[in-house]
PDB file of N, CA and C in Angstrom:
ATOM      1  N   MET A   1      48.906  32.911   2.793  1.00  0.00           N
ATOM      2  CA  MET A   1      49.965  31.849   2.583  1.00  0.00           C
ATOM      3  C   MET A   1      50.889  32.665   1.770  1.00  0.00           C
ATOM      4  N   THR A   2      52.287  32.153   1.850  1.00  0.00           N
ATOM      5  CA  THR A   2      53.177  32.560   1.175  1.00  0.00           C
ATOM      6  C   THR A   2      53.634  31.621   0.064  1.00  0.00           C
ATOM      7  N   TYR A   3      53.625  31.912  -1.250  1.00  0.00           N
ATOM      8  CA  TYR A   3      54.176  31.330  -2.230  1.00  0.00           C
ATOM      9  C   TYR A   3      55.653  30.836  -1.972  1.00  0.00           C
ATOM     10  N   VAL A   4      56.060  29.173  -1.982  1.00  0.00           N
ATOM     11  CA  VAL A   4      57.267  28.610  -1.773  1.00  0.00           C
ATOM     12  C   VAL A   4      58.088  28.155  -3.040  1.00  0.00           C
ATOM     13  N   ASP A   5      57.066  27.581  -3.573  1.00  0.00           N
ATOM     14  CA  ASP A   5      57.790  27.222  -5.136  1.00  0.00           C
ATOM     15  C   ASP A   5      56.320  26.848  -6.191  1.00  0.00           C
ATOM     16  N   VAL A   6      56.618  26.059  -7.230  1.00  0.00           N
ATOM     17  CA  VAL A   6      55.638  26.096  -8.260  1.00  0.00           C
ATOM     18  C   VAL A   6      54.362  25.547  -7.960  1.00  0.00           C
ATOM     19  N   THR A   7      54.318  24.964  -6.783  1.00  0.00           N
ATOM     20  CA  THR A   7      53.094  24.072  -6.419  1.00  0.00           C
ATOM     21  C   THR A   7      52.636  24.226  -4.712  1.00  0.00           C
ATOM     22  N   THR A   8      53.609  24.971  -4.141  1.00  0.00           N
ATOM     23  CA  THR A   8      53.136  25.059  -2.490  1.00  0.00           C
ATOM     24  C   THR A   8      53.052  26.210  -2.342  1.00  0.00           C
ATOM     25  N   TRP A   9      52.470  26.559  -1.310  1.00  0.00           N
ATOM     26  CA  TRP A   9      52.158  27.427  -0.201  1.00  0.00           C
ATOM     27  C   TRP A   9      52.105  27.131   1.008  1.00  0.00           C
ATOM     28  N   GLN A  10      52.652  28.198   1.890  1.00  0.00           N
ATOM     29  CA  GLN A  10      52.996  28.138   3.218  1.00  0.00           C
ATOM     30  C   GLN A  10      52.529  29.032   4.239  1.00  0.00           C
ATOM     31  N   ALA A  11      51.993  28.825   5.566  1.00  0.00           N
ATOM     32  CA  ALA A  11      51.475  29.539   6.538  1.00  0.00           C
ATOM     33  C   ALA A  11      52.335  29.282   7.607  1.00  0.00           C
ATOM     34  N   ASP A  12      52.893  30.624   8.806  1.00  0.00           N
ATOM     35  CA  ASP A  12      52.559  30.172  10.098  1.00  0.00           C
ATOM     36  C   ASP A  12      51.334  30.786  10.690  1.00  0.00           C
ATOM     37  N   VAL A  13      50.317  30.021  11.628  1.00  0.00           N
ATOM     38  CA  VAL A  13      49.163  30.411  12.008  1.00  0.00           C
ATOM     39  C   VAL A  13      49.092  29.887  13.459  1.00  0.00           C
ATOM     40  N   THR A  14      47.927  30.528  13.896  1.00  0.00           N
ATOM     41  CA  THR A  14      47.753  30.310  15.279  1.00  0.00           C
ATOM     42  C   THR A  14      46.113  29.317  15.116  1.00  0.00           C
ATOM     43  N   LEU A  15      46.129  28.152  15.455  1.00  0.00           N
ATOM     44  CA  LEU A  15      44.883  27.615  15.313  1.00  0.00           C
ATOM     45  C   LEU A  15      44.201  27.029  16.739  1.00  0.00           C
ATOM     46  N   ALA A  16      43.270  27.119  16.439  1.00  0.00           N
ATOM     47  CA  ALA A  16      42.224  26.831  17.827  1.00  0.00           C
ATOM     48  C   ALA A  16      41.842  25.485  17.661  1.00  0.00           C
ATOM     49  N   THR A  17      41.107  24.583  18.488  1.00  0.00           N
ATOM     50  CA  THR A  17      40.325  23.634  18.324  1.00  0.00           C
ATOM     51  C   THR A  17      39.324  23.449  17.398  1.00  0.00           C
ATOM     52  N   GLY A  18      39.152  22.899  16.578  1.00  0.00           N
ATOM     53  CA  GLY A  18      38.140  22.825  15.751  1.00  0.00           C
ATOM     54  C   GLY A  18      38.349  22.280  14.378  1.00  0.00           C
ATOM     55  N   GLU A  19      37.486  22.646  13.374  1.00  0.00           N
ATOM     56  CA  GLU A  19      37.810  22.477  11.884  1.00  0.00           C
ATOM     57  C   GLU A  19      38.070  23.648  11.203  1.00  0.00           C
ATOM     58  N   PHE A  20      38.517  23.649   9.814  1.00  0.00           N
ATOM     59  CA  PHE A  20      38.888  24.337   8.745  1.00  0.00           C
ATOM     60  C   PHE A  20      39.000  23.962   7.298  1.00  0.00           C
ATOM     61  N   LYS A  21      39.086  24.946   6.485  1.00  0.00           N
ATOM     62  CA  LYS A  21      39.235  24.425   5.009  1.00  0.00           C
ATOM     63  C   LYS A  21      40.014  25.362   4.489  1.00  0.00           C
ATOM     64  N   PHE A  22      40.421  25.188   3.141  1.00  0.00           N
ATOM     65  CA  PHE A  22      41.277  26.163   2.360  1.00  0.00           C
ATOM     66  C   PHE A  22      40.869  26.758   1.531  1.00  0.00           C
ATOM     67  N   SER A  23      40.083  28.288   1.502  1.00  0.00           N
ATOM     68  CA  SER A  23      39.745  28.784   0.114  1.00  0.00           C
ATOM     69  C   SER A  23      40.565  29.948  -0.283  1.00  0.00           C
ATOM     70  N   ALA A  24      40.217  30.070  -1.597  1.00  0.00           N
ATOM     71  CA  ALA A  24      40.912  31.139  -2.410  1.00  0.00           C
ATOM     72  C   ALA A  24      40.425  32.265  -2.489  1.00  0.00           C
ATOM     73  N   TYR A  25      40.854  33.676  -2.540  1.00  0.00           N
ATOM     74  CA  TYR A  25      40.434  34.959  -2.829  1.00  0.00           C
ATOM     75  C   TYR A  25      39.346  35.198  -1.917  1.00  0.00           C
ATOM     76  N   ASP A  26      39.383  34.854  -0.716  1.00  0.00           N
ATOM     77  CA  ASP A  26      38.175  35.057   0.443  1.00  0.00           C
ATOM     78  C   ASP A  26      36.761  34.693  -0.234  1.00  0.00           C
ATOM     79  N   ASP A  27      36.812  33.461  -0.875  1.00  0.00           N
ATOM     80  CA  ASP A  27      35.259  33.221  -1.741  1.00  0.00           C
ATOM     81  C   ASP A  27      35.410  31.553  -1.511  1.00  0.00           C
ATOM     82  N   TRP A  28      34.380  31.147  -1.446  1.00  0.00           N
ATOM     83  CA  TRP A  28      34.350  29.521  -1.185  1.00  0.00           C
ATOM     84  C   TRP A  28      34.163  28.703  -2.710  1.00  0.00           C
ATOM     85  N   LEU A  29      34.453  29.711  -3.995  1.00  0.00           N
ATOM     86  CA  LEU A  29      33.882  28.992  -5.339  1.00  0.00           C
ATOM     87  C   LEU A  29      35.148  28.317  -5.336  1.00  0.00           C
ATOM     88  N   ILE A  30      36.375  28.561  -4.736  1.00  0.00           N
ATOM     89  CA  ILE A  30      37.859  27.571  -4.846  1.00  0.00           C
ATOM     90  C   ILE A  30      37.872  27.104  -3.343  1.00  0.00           C
ATOM     91  N   ASN A  31      37.843  25.868  -3.183  1.00  0.00           N
ATOM     92  CA  ASN A  31      38.211  25.869  -1.730  1.00  0.00           C
ATOM     93  C   ASN A  31      38.486  23.929  -1.689  1.00  0.00           C
ATOM     94  N   PHE A  32      39.294  23.693  -0.723  1.00  0.00           N
ATOM     95  CA  PHE A  32      39.859  22.449  -0.491  1.00  0.00           C
ATOM     96  C   PHE A  32      39.672  21.916   0.848  1.00  0.00           C
ATOM     97  N   GLY A  33      39.217  20.689   1.173  1.00  0.00           N
ATOM     98  CA  GLY A  33      38.707  20.288   2.349  1.00  0.00           C
ATOM     99  C   GLY A  33      39.649  18.643   2.557  1.00  0.00           C
ATOM    100  N   LYS A  34      39.048  17.881   3.665  1.00  0.00           N
ATOM    101  CA  LYS A  34      39.271  16.657   3.821  1.00  0.00           C
ATOM    102  C   LYS A  34      39.253  15.687   2.573  1.00  0.00           C
ATOM    103  N   GLY A  35      40.221  15.073   2.425  1.00  0.00           N
ATOM    104  CA  GLY A  35      40.424  13.991   1.094  1.00  0.00           C
ATOM    105  C   GLY A  35      40.140  12.739   1.599  1.00  0.00           C
ATOM    106  N   THR A  36      39.824  11.411   1.109  1.00  0.00           N
ATOM    107  CA  THR A  36      39.913  10.309   1.704  1.00  0.00           C
ATOM    108  C   THR A  36      41.334   9.615   2.085  1.00  0.00           C
ATOM    109  N   ALA A  37      42.509  10.064   1.663  1.00  0.00           N
ATOM    110  CA  ALA A  37      43.602   9.611   2.414  1.00  0.00           C
ATOM    111  C   ALA A  37      44.457  10.532   3.160  1.00  0.00           C
ATOM    112  N   ALA A  38      45.297  10.074   4.325  1.00  0.00           N
ATOM    113  CA  ALA A  38      45.884  11.227   5.116  1.00  0.00           C
ATOM    114  C   ALA A  38      46.424  12.302   4.467  1.00  0.00           C
ATOM    115  N   ASN A  39      46.356  13.579   4.859  1.00  0.00           N
ATOM    116  CA  ASN A  39      46.857  14.440   4.183  1.00  0.00           C
ATOM    117  C   ASN A  39      46.613  15.008   2.880  1.00  0.00           C
ATOM    118  N   GLU A  40      45.448  14.415   2.281  1.00  0.00           N
ATOM    119  CA  GLU A  40      45.003  14.564   1.448  1.00  0.00           C
ATOM    120  C   GLU A  40      44.087  15.646   1.069  1.00  0.00           C
ATOM    121  N   LEU A  41      44.452  16.774   0.270  1.00  0.00           N
ATOM    122  CA  LEU A  41      43.110  17.556   0.057  1.00  0.00           C
ATOM    123  C   LEU A  41      42.079  17.162  -0.968  1.00  0.00           C
ATOM    124  N   GLU A  42      41.175  17.698  -0.997  1.00  0.00           N
ATOM    125  CA  GLU A  42      40.076  17.401  -2.201  1.00  0.00           C
ATOM    126  C   GLU A  42      39.431  18.729  -2.698  1.00  0.00           C
ATOM    127  N   PHE A  43      39.234  18.783  -3.609  1.00  0.00           N
ATOM    128  CA  PHE A  43      38.740  20.096  -4.141  1.00  0.00           C
ATOM    129  C   PHE A  43      37.234  20.358  -3.997  1.00  0.00           C
ATOM    130  N   ASN A  44      36.967  21.388  -3.515  1.00  0.00           N
ATOM    131  CA  ASN A  44      35.100  21.489  -3.083  1.00  0.00           C
ATOM    132  C   ASN A  44      34.848  20.424  -2.301  1.00  0.00           C
ATOM    133  N   ALA A  45      35.427  19.712  -1.514  1.00  0.00           N
ATOM    134  CA  ALA A  45      35.222  18.905  -0.242  1.00  0.00           C
ATOM    135  C   ALA A  45      34.055  19.150   0.448  1.00  0.00           C
ATOM    136  N   SER A  46      33.230  18.156   0.878  1.00  0.00           N
ATOM    137  CA  SER A  46      32.248  18.461   1.804  1.00  0.00           C
ATOM    138  C   SER A  46      32.670  18.407   3.154  1.00  0.00           C
ATOM    139  N   ASP A  47      33.631  17.708   3.392  1.00  0.00           N
ATOM    140  CA  ASP A  47      34.200  17.526   4.684  1.00  0.00           C
ATOM    141  C   ASP A  47      35.333  18.614   5.023  1.00  0.00           C
ATOM    142  N   ASN A  48      35.157  19.184   6.419  1.00  0.00           N
ATOM    143  CA  ASN A  48      36.186  19.931   6.980  1.00  0.00           C
ATOM    144  C   ASN A  48      37.588  19.216   7.343  1.00  0.00           C
ATOM    145  N   LEU A  49      38.655  19.977   7.715  1.00  0.00           N
ATOM    146  CA  LEU A  49      40.167  19.627   8.125  1.00  0.00           C
ATOM    147  C   LEU A  49      39.635  19.618   9.516  1.00  0.00           C
ATOM    148  N   THR A  50      40.222  18.686  10.239  1.00  0.00           N
ATOM    149  CA  THR A  50      40.314  19.023  11.741  1.00  0.00           C
ATOM    150  C   THR A  50      41.940  19.586  12.204  1.00  0.00           C
ATOM    151  N   SER A  51      41.622  20.717  13.291  1.00  0.00           N
ATOM    152  CA  SER A  51      42.756  21.127  13.477  1.00  0.00           C
ATOM    153  C   SER A  51      43.626  20.140  14.510  1.00  0.00           C
ATOM    154  N   PRO A  52      44.804  19.980  14.793  1.00  0.00           N
ATOM    155  CA  PRO A  52      45.358  19.380  15.664  1.00  0.00           C
ATOM    156  C   PRO A  52      45.382  19.589  17.291  1.00  0.00           C
ATOM    157  N   GLY A  53      44.959  20.935  17.327  1.00  0.00           N
ATOM    158  CA  GLY A  53      44.734  21.659  18.911  1.00  0.00           C
ATOM    159  C   GLY A  53      45.067  23.012  18.828  1.00  0.00           C
ATOM    160  N   SER A  54      44.805  23.486  19.604  1.00  0.00           N
ATOM    161  CA  SER A  54      45.174  25.214  19.985  1.00  0.00           C
ATOM    162  C   SER A  54      46.986  25.103  19.959  1.00  0.00           C
ATOM    163  N   GLY A  55      47.211  26.379  19.304  1.00  0.00           N
ATOM    164  CA  GLY A  55      48.558  26.382  19.265  1.00  0.00           C
ATOM    165  C   GLY A  55      49.193  27.079  17.876  1.00  0.00           C
ATOM    166  N   ASN A  56      50.444  27.045  17.587  1.00  0.00           N
ATOM    167  CA  ASN A  56      51.081  27.712  16.684  1.00  0.00           C
ATOM    168  C   ASN A  56      51.673  26.789  15.659  1.00  0.00           C
ATOM    169  N   TYR A  57      51.321  26.801  14.511  1.00  0.00           N
ATOM    170  CA  TYR A  57      51.289  25.783  13.340  1.00  0.00           C
ATOM    171  C   TYR A  57      52.051  26.441  11.976  1.00  0.00           C
ATOM    172  N   ARG A  58      52.932  25.670  11.518  1.00  0.00           N
ATOM    173  CA  ARG A  58      53.049  26.001   9.850  1.00  0.00           C
ATOM    174  C   ARG A  58      52.466  25.028   9.231  1.00  0.00           C
ATOM    175  N   ILE A  59      51.630  25.539   8.218  1.00  0.00           N
ATOM    176  CA  ILE A  59      50.707  24.905   7.552  1.00  0.00           C
ATOM    177  C   ILE A  59      51.304  24.926   6.033  1.00  0.00           C
ATOM    178  N   SER A  60      51.519  24.024   5.186  1.00  0.00           N
ATOM    179  CA  SER A  60      51.692  23.854   3.897  1.00  0.00           C
ATOM    180  C   SER A  60      50.997  23.410   3.124  1.00  0.00           C
ATOM    181  N   ILE A  61      50.562  23.560   1.867  1.00  0.00           N
ATOM    182  CA  ILE A  61      49.343  23.016   0.942  1.00  0.00           C
ATOM    183  C   ILE A  61      50.027  23.085  -0.370  1.00  0.00           C
ATOM    184  N   THR A  62      50.277  21.653  -0.974  1.00  0.00           N
ATOM    185  CA  THR A  62      50.730  21.512  -2.338  1.00  0.00           C
ATOM    186  C   THR A  62      49.490  21.102  -3.204  1.00  0.00           C
ATOM    187  N   LEU A  63      49.351  22.076  -4.130  1.00  0.00           N
ATOM    188  CA  LEU A  63      48.227  22.007  -5.395  1.00  0.00           C
ATOM    189  C   LEU A  63      48.980  21.373  -6.761  1.00  0.00           C
ATOM    190  N   ASP A  64      49.091  20.218  -6.710  1.00  0.00           N
ATOM    191  CA  ASP A  64      49.996  19.449  -7.701  1.00  0.00           C
ATOM    192  C   ASP A  64      49.086  18.754  -8.909  1.00  0.00           C
ATOM    193  N   VAL A  65      48.413  19.261  -9.763  1.00  0.00           N
ATOM    194  CA  VAL A  65      47.651  18.640 -10.734  1.00  0.00           C
ATOM    195  C   VAL A  65      47.936  17.304 -11.213  1.00  0.00           C
ATOM    196  N   VAL A  66      49.112  16.733 -11.097  1.00  0.00           N
ATOM    197  CA  VAL A  66      49.850  15.658 -11.511  1.00  0.00           C
ATOM    198  C   VAL A  66      49.936  14.647 -10.193  1.00  0.00           C
ATOM    199  N   ASN A  67      50.567  14.731  -9.353  1.00  0.00           N
ATOM    200  CA  ASN A  67      50.737  13.968  -7.949  1.00  0.00           C
ATOM    201  C   ASN A  67      49.423  14.212  -6.929  1.00  0.00           C
ATOM    202  N   GLY A  68      48.624  15.325  -7.072  1.00  0.00           N
ATOM    203  CA  GLY A  68      47.639  15.476  -6.068  1.00  0.00           C
ATOM    204  C   GLY A  68      47.639  16.539  -5.188  1.00  0.00           C
ATOM    205  N   TYR A  69      46.811  16.743  -4.473  1.00  0.00           N
ATOM    206  CA  TYR A  69      46.478  17.886  -3.174  1.00  0.00           C
ATOM    207  C   TYR A  69      47.083  17.104  -2.219  1.00  0.00           C
ATOM    208  N   THR A  70      47.779  18.078  -1.399  1.00  0.00           N
ATOM    209  CA  THR A  70      48.236  17.510  -0.063  1.00  0.00           C
ATOM    210  C   THR A  70      48.496  18.643   0.832  1.00  0.00           C
ATOM    211  N   TYR A  71      48.178  18.316   2.141  1.00  0.00           N
ATOM    212  CA  TYR A  71      48.916  19.373   2.883  1.00  0.00           C
ATOM    213  C   TYR A  71      49.520  18.990   4.071  1.00  0.00           C
ATOM    214  N   SER A  72      50.587  19.756   5.064  1.00  0.00           N
ATOM    215  CA  SER A  72      51.177  19.235   6.020  1.00  0.00           C
ATOM    216  C   SER A  72      50.734  20.544   7.065  1.00  0.00           C
ATOM    217  N   ILE A  73      50.941  19.861   8.574  1.00  0.00           N
ATOM    218  CA  ILE A  73      50.758  20.583   9.579  1.00  0.00           C
ATOM    219  C   ILE A  73      51.850  20.386  10.533  1.00  0.00           C
ATOM    220  N   THR A  74      52.691  21.157  11.048  1.00  0.00           N
ATOM    221  CA  THR A  74      53.931  21.432  11.904  1.00  0.00           C
ATOM    222  C   THR A  74      53.790  22.171  12.942  1.00  0.00           C
ATOM    223  N   GLN A  75      53.708  21.618  14.244  1.00  0.00           N
ATOM    224  CA  GLN A  75      53.633  22.426  15.555  1.00  0.00           C
ATOM    225  C   GLN A  75      55.032  23.313  15.358  1.00  0.00           C
ATOM    226  N   LEU A  76      55.324  24.458  15.983  1.00  0.00           N
ATOM    227  CA  LEU A  76      56.062  25.369  15.990  1.00  0.00           C
ATOM    228  C   LEU A  76      56.361  25.586  17.498  1.00  0.00           C
TER     229      LEU A  76
END
C-alpha cells in the first residue's frame, strides 16, 4: 500500500472472491479485520473482511486512533 496522508494508505489490487485481512510487515502481530459497523476495521479482529467479488479495486484504509479504523473498496 502507498502512504496517502497522515492516517491513510491506498492500493490498487486484483481481488478474488473470498476473504482477506490487512497485516503489517508481513506479520500477523499487527492485523485489521472486520469490525462491528459497516466499513469499520478492528485491530486483531477474529473475523475476516469479505471481498466484493473478483475484479480490480482501489482499497483505502484509514488508521486514525481518534476517529477510528475504516476502509473503503471501490471497483476500478
